Amino acid sequence: MNNVASFSEKRREKQLTYERKLLRNLSIDELRKSVLRHMKTVGVGIFGEDGLEEACFDIAIEAYLNGGEYSRFILYGETLEMIKERCYEDRSHFINTLYNFWLYWDYGQKLIEEKPTYEACEIFVNHWWSRGFKEGEQRYKLRLH
């Protein structure tokens, strides 16, 4: 007897396969260098924490995958600005999550300033989203999806 697979299961399976393919182009060394470059001015006294670095890695990977996912809309004739507007809520969620995580690790010691921290988080997330978008766009144009 044939098994009936639901549409949502197939879609999730296809999404996971695409994400695995997209993540092959990403290395931990690149993530580490990016975190040091973008976030070094934020956490003066607390940056040596492993938890902070891992949180930045998590957000960078999520933003990277989100950019790769939204790159498919370039095939439908949308511009980059239209696509960024489409995923505004996702990007702002990543920025706010990373920002709140930095504020949490500050322990109320006021070692970090709020505005430069938010701007650094915004630049960091936008960098990784754009990078994922470019990688995904390349994969779609080369029909590697």
Protein backbone atom coordinates (compact mmCIF):
# COMPACT_ATOMS: atom_id res chain seq x y z
CA MET A 1 0.00 0.00 0.00
CA ASN A 2 1.26 3.49 -0.80
CA ASN A 3 2.08 5.91 1.96
CA VAL A 4 0.42 9.28 1.77
CA ALA A 5 2.80 12.14 2.43
CA SER A 6 1.40 15.48 3.36
CA PHE A 7 2.28 18.62 1.52
CA SER A 8 3.72 20.28 4.64
CA GLU A 9 6.07 17.35 5.26
CA LYS A 10 7.38 17.48 1.70
CA ARG A 11 7.78 21.25 1.85
CA ARG A 12 9.69 21.04 5.16
CA GLU A 13 11.91 18.29 3.76
CA LYS A 14 12.67 20.39 0.67
CA GLN A 15 13.40 23.44 2.84
CA LEU A 16 15.82 21.48 5.04
CA THR A 17 17.62 20.15 1.98
CA TYR A 18 17.97 23.65 0.58
CA GLU A 19 19.24 24.99 3.92
CA ARG A 20 21.85 22.23 4.15
CA LYS A 21 23.07 23.06 0.66
CA LEU A 22 23.21 26.76 1.50
CA LEU A 23 25.11 26.16 4.75
CA ARG A 24 27.89 24.33 2.92
CA ASN A 25 29.27 27.72 1.88
CA LEU A 26 29.52 28.97 5.45
CA SER A 27 32.44 28.41 7.81
CA ILE A 28 32.82 28.94 11.54
CA ASP A 29 35.98 30.98 10.97
CA GLU A 30 34.05 33.45 8.82
CA LEU A 31 31.37 33.73 11.48
CA ARG A 32 33.95 34.27 14.23
CA LYS A 33 35.77 36.98 12.25
CA SER A 34 32.49 38.69 11.46
CA VAL A 35 31.41 38.69 15.10
CA LEU A 36 34.74 40.17 16.15
CA ARG A 37 34.62 42.79 13.41
CA HIS A 38 31.02 43.90 13.93
CA MET A 39 30.54 43.48 17.66
CA LYS A 40 33.93 44.30 19.19
CA THR A 41 32.97 47.88 19.97
CA VAL A 42 29.82 46.81 21.80
CA GLY A 43 30.95 44.47 24.57
CA VAL A 44 33.97 46.12 26.09
CA GLY A 45 34.14 44.14 29.31
CA ILE A 46 31.93 41.18 28.50
CA PHE A 47 32.93 40.10 25.00
CA GLY A 48 35.05 37.16 26.09
CA GLU A 49 31.94 35.18 27.02
CA ASP A 50 31.36 32.05 24.93
CA GLY A 51 27.61 32.44 25.25
CA LEU A 52 27.71 35.80 23.50
CA GLU A 53 29.68 34.44 20.60
CA GLU A 54 27.33 31.49 20.21
CA ALA A 55 24.30 33.78 20.31
CA CYS A 56 25.83 35.91 17.57
CA PHE A 57 26.53 32.74 15.56
CA ASP A 58 22.91 31.63 15.94
CA ILE A 59 21.52 34.95 14.79
CA ALA A 60 24.00 35.16 11.91
CA ILE A 61 23.05 31.70 10.69
CA GLU A 62 19.34 32.42 10.98
CA ALA A 63 19.72 35.71 9.09
CA TYR A 64 21.87 33.97 6.46
CA LEU A 65 19.26 31.25 5.92
CA ASN A 66 16.46 33.82 5.88
CA GLY A 67 18.25 35.81 3.18
CA GLY A 68 18.77 32.63 1.18
CA GLU A 69 15.10 31.76 1.54
CA TYR A 70 13.91 35.17 0.34
CA SER A 71 16.31 35.14 -2.61
CA ARG A 72 13.79 33.04 -4.56
CA PHE A 73 11.65 36.14 -5.06
CA ILE A 74 14.30 37.58 -7.37
CA LEU A 75 13.13 34.99 -9.91
CA TYR A 76 9.66 36.53 -9.86
CA GLY A 77 10.96 39.95 -10.87
CA GLU A 78 11.01 41.62 -7.45
CA THR A 79 13.73 44.11 -6.68
CA LEU A 80 16.03 43.90 -3.68
CA GLU A 81 14.15 46.75 -1.99
CA MET A 82 10.83 44.95 -2.45
CA ILE A 83 12.28 41.77 -0.99
CA LYS A 84 13.78 43.61 1.98
CA GLU A 85 10.40 45.19 2.62
CA ARG A 86 8.77 41.76 2.40
CA CYS A 87 11.02 40.31 5.12
CA TYR A 88 11.22 43.43 7.29
CA GLU A 89 9.56 41.71 10.25
CA ASP A 90 11.98 38.77 10.16
CA ARG A 91 15.05 40.98 10.00
CA SER A 92 13.79 43.26 12.78
CA HIS A 93 13.08 40.17 14.89
CA PHE A 94 16.69 38.99 14.46
CA ILE A 95 18.02 42.47 15.28
CA ASN A 96 15.86 42.79 18.38
CA THR A 97 16.73 39.29 19.57
CA LEU A 98 20.45 39.94 19.29
CA TYR A 99 20.11 43.38 20.87
CA ASN A 100 18.12 42.04 23.81
CA PHE A 101 20.63 39.26 24.26
CA TRP A 102 23.45 41.82 24.51
CA LEU A 103 21.45 43.82 27.03
CA TYR A 104 20.84 40.65 29.04
CA TRP A 105 24.55 39.85 29.17
CA ASP A 106 25.30 43.35 30.38
CA TYR A 107 23.74 42.36 33.73
CA GLY A 108 22.58 45.91 34.30
CA GLN A 109 26.18 47.08 34.70
CA LYS A 110 25.78 49.67 31.96
CA LEU A 111 29.00 48.54 30.28
CA ILE A 112 27.43 48.94 26.87
CA GLU A 113 25.57 51.85 25.39
CA GLU A 114 22.16 51.16 23.92
CA LYS A 115 22.22 53.09 20.64
CA PRO A 116 25.63 51.90 19.35
CA THR A 117 24.72 48.36 20.40
CA TYR A 118 21.47 48.44 18.43
CA GLU A 119 23.25 49.88 15.39
CA ALA A 120 25.95 47.20 15.58
CA CYS A 121 23.29 44.49 15.81
CA GLU A 122 21.47 45.98 12.84
CA ILE A 123 24.62 46.11 10.72
CA PHE A 124 25.56 42.57 11.74
CA VAL A 125 22.16 41.08 10.89
CA ASN A 126 21.89 43.00 7.62
CA HIS A 127 25.38 41.84 6.62
CA TRP A 128 24.51 38.18 7.12
CA TRP A 129 21.06 38.52 5.57
CA SER A 130 22.61 40.12 2.47
CA ARG A 131 25.27 37.45 2.30
CA GLY A 132 22.66 34.69 2.45
CA PHE A 133 20.59 36.52 -0.13
CA LYS A 134 23.53 36.69 -2.54
CA GLU A 135 24.37 33.02 -2.05
CA GLY A 136 20.74 32.00 -2.56
CA GLU A 137 20.36 34.24 -5.59
CA GLN A 138 23.44 32.65 -7.12
CA ARG A 139 22.06 29.16 -6.46
CA TYR A 140 18.72 30.05 -8.05
CA LYS A 141 20.33 31.66 -11.08
CA LEU A 142 22.55 28.62 -11.59
CA ARG A 143 19.52 26.39 -10.96
CA LEU A 144 21.23 24.64 -8.04
CA HIS A 145 18.22 24.87 -5.73
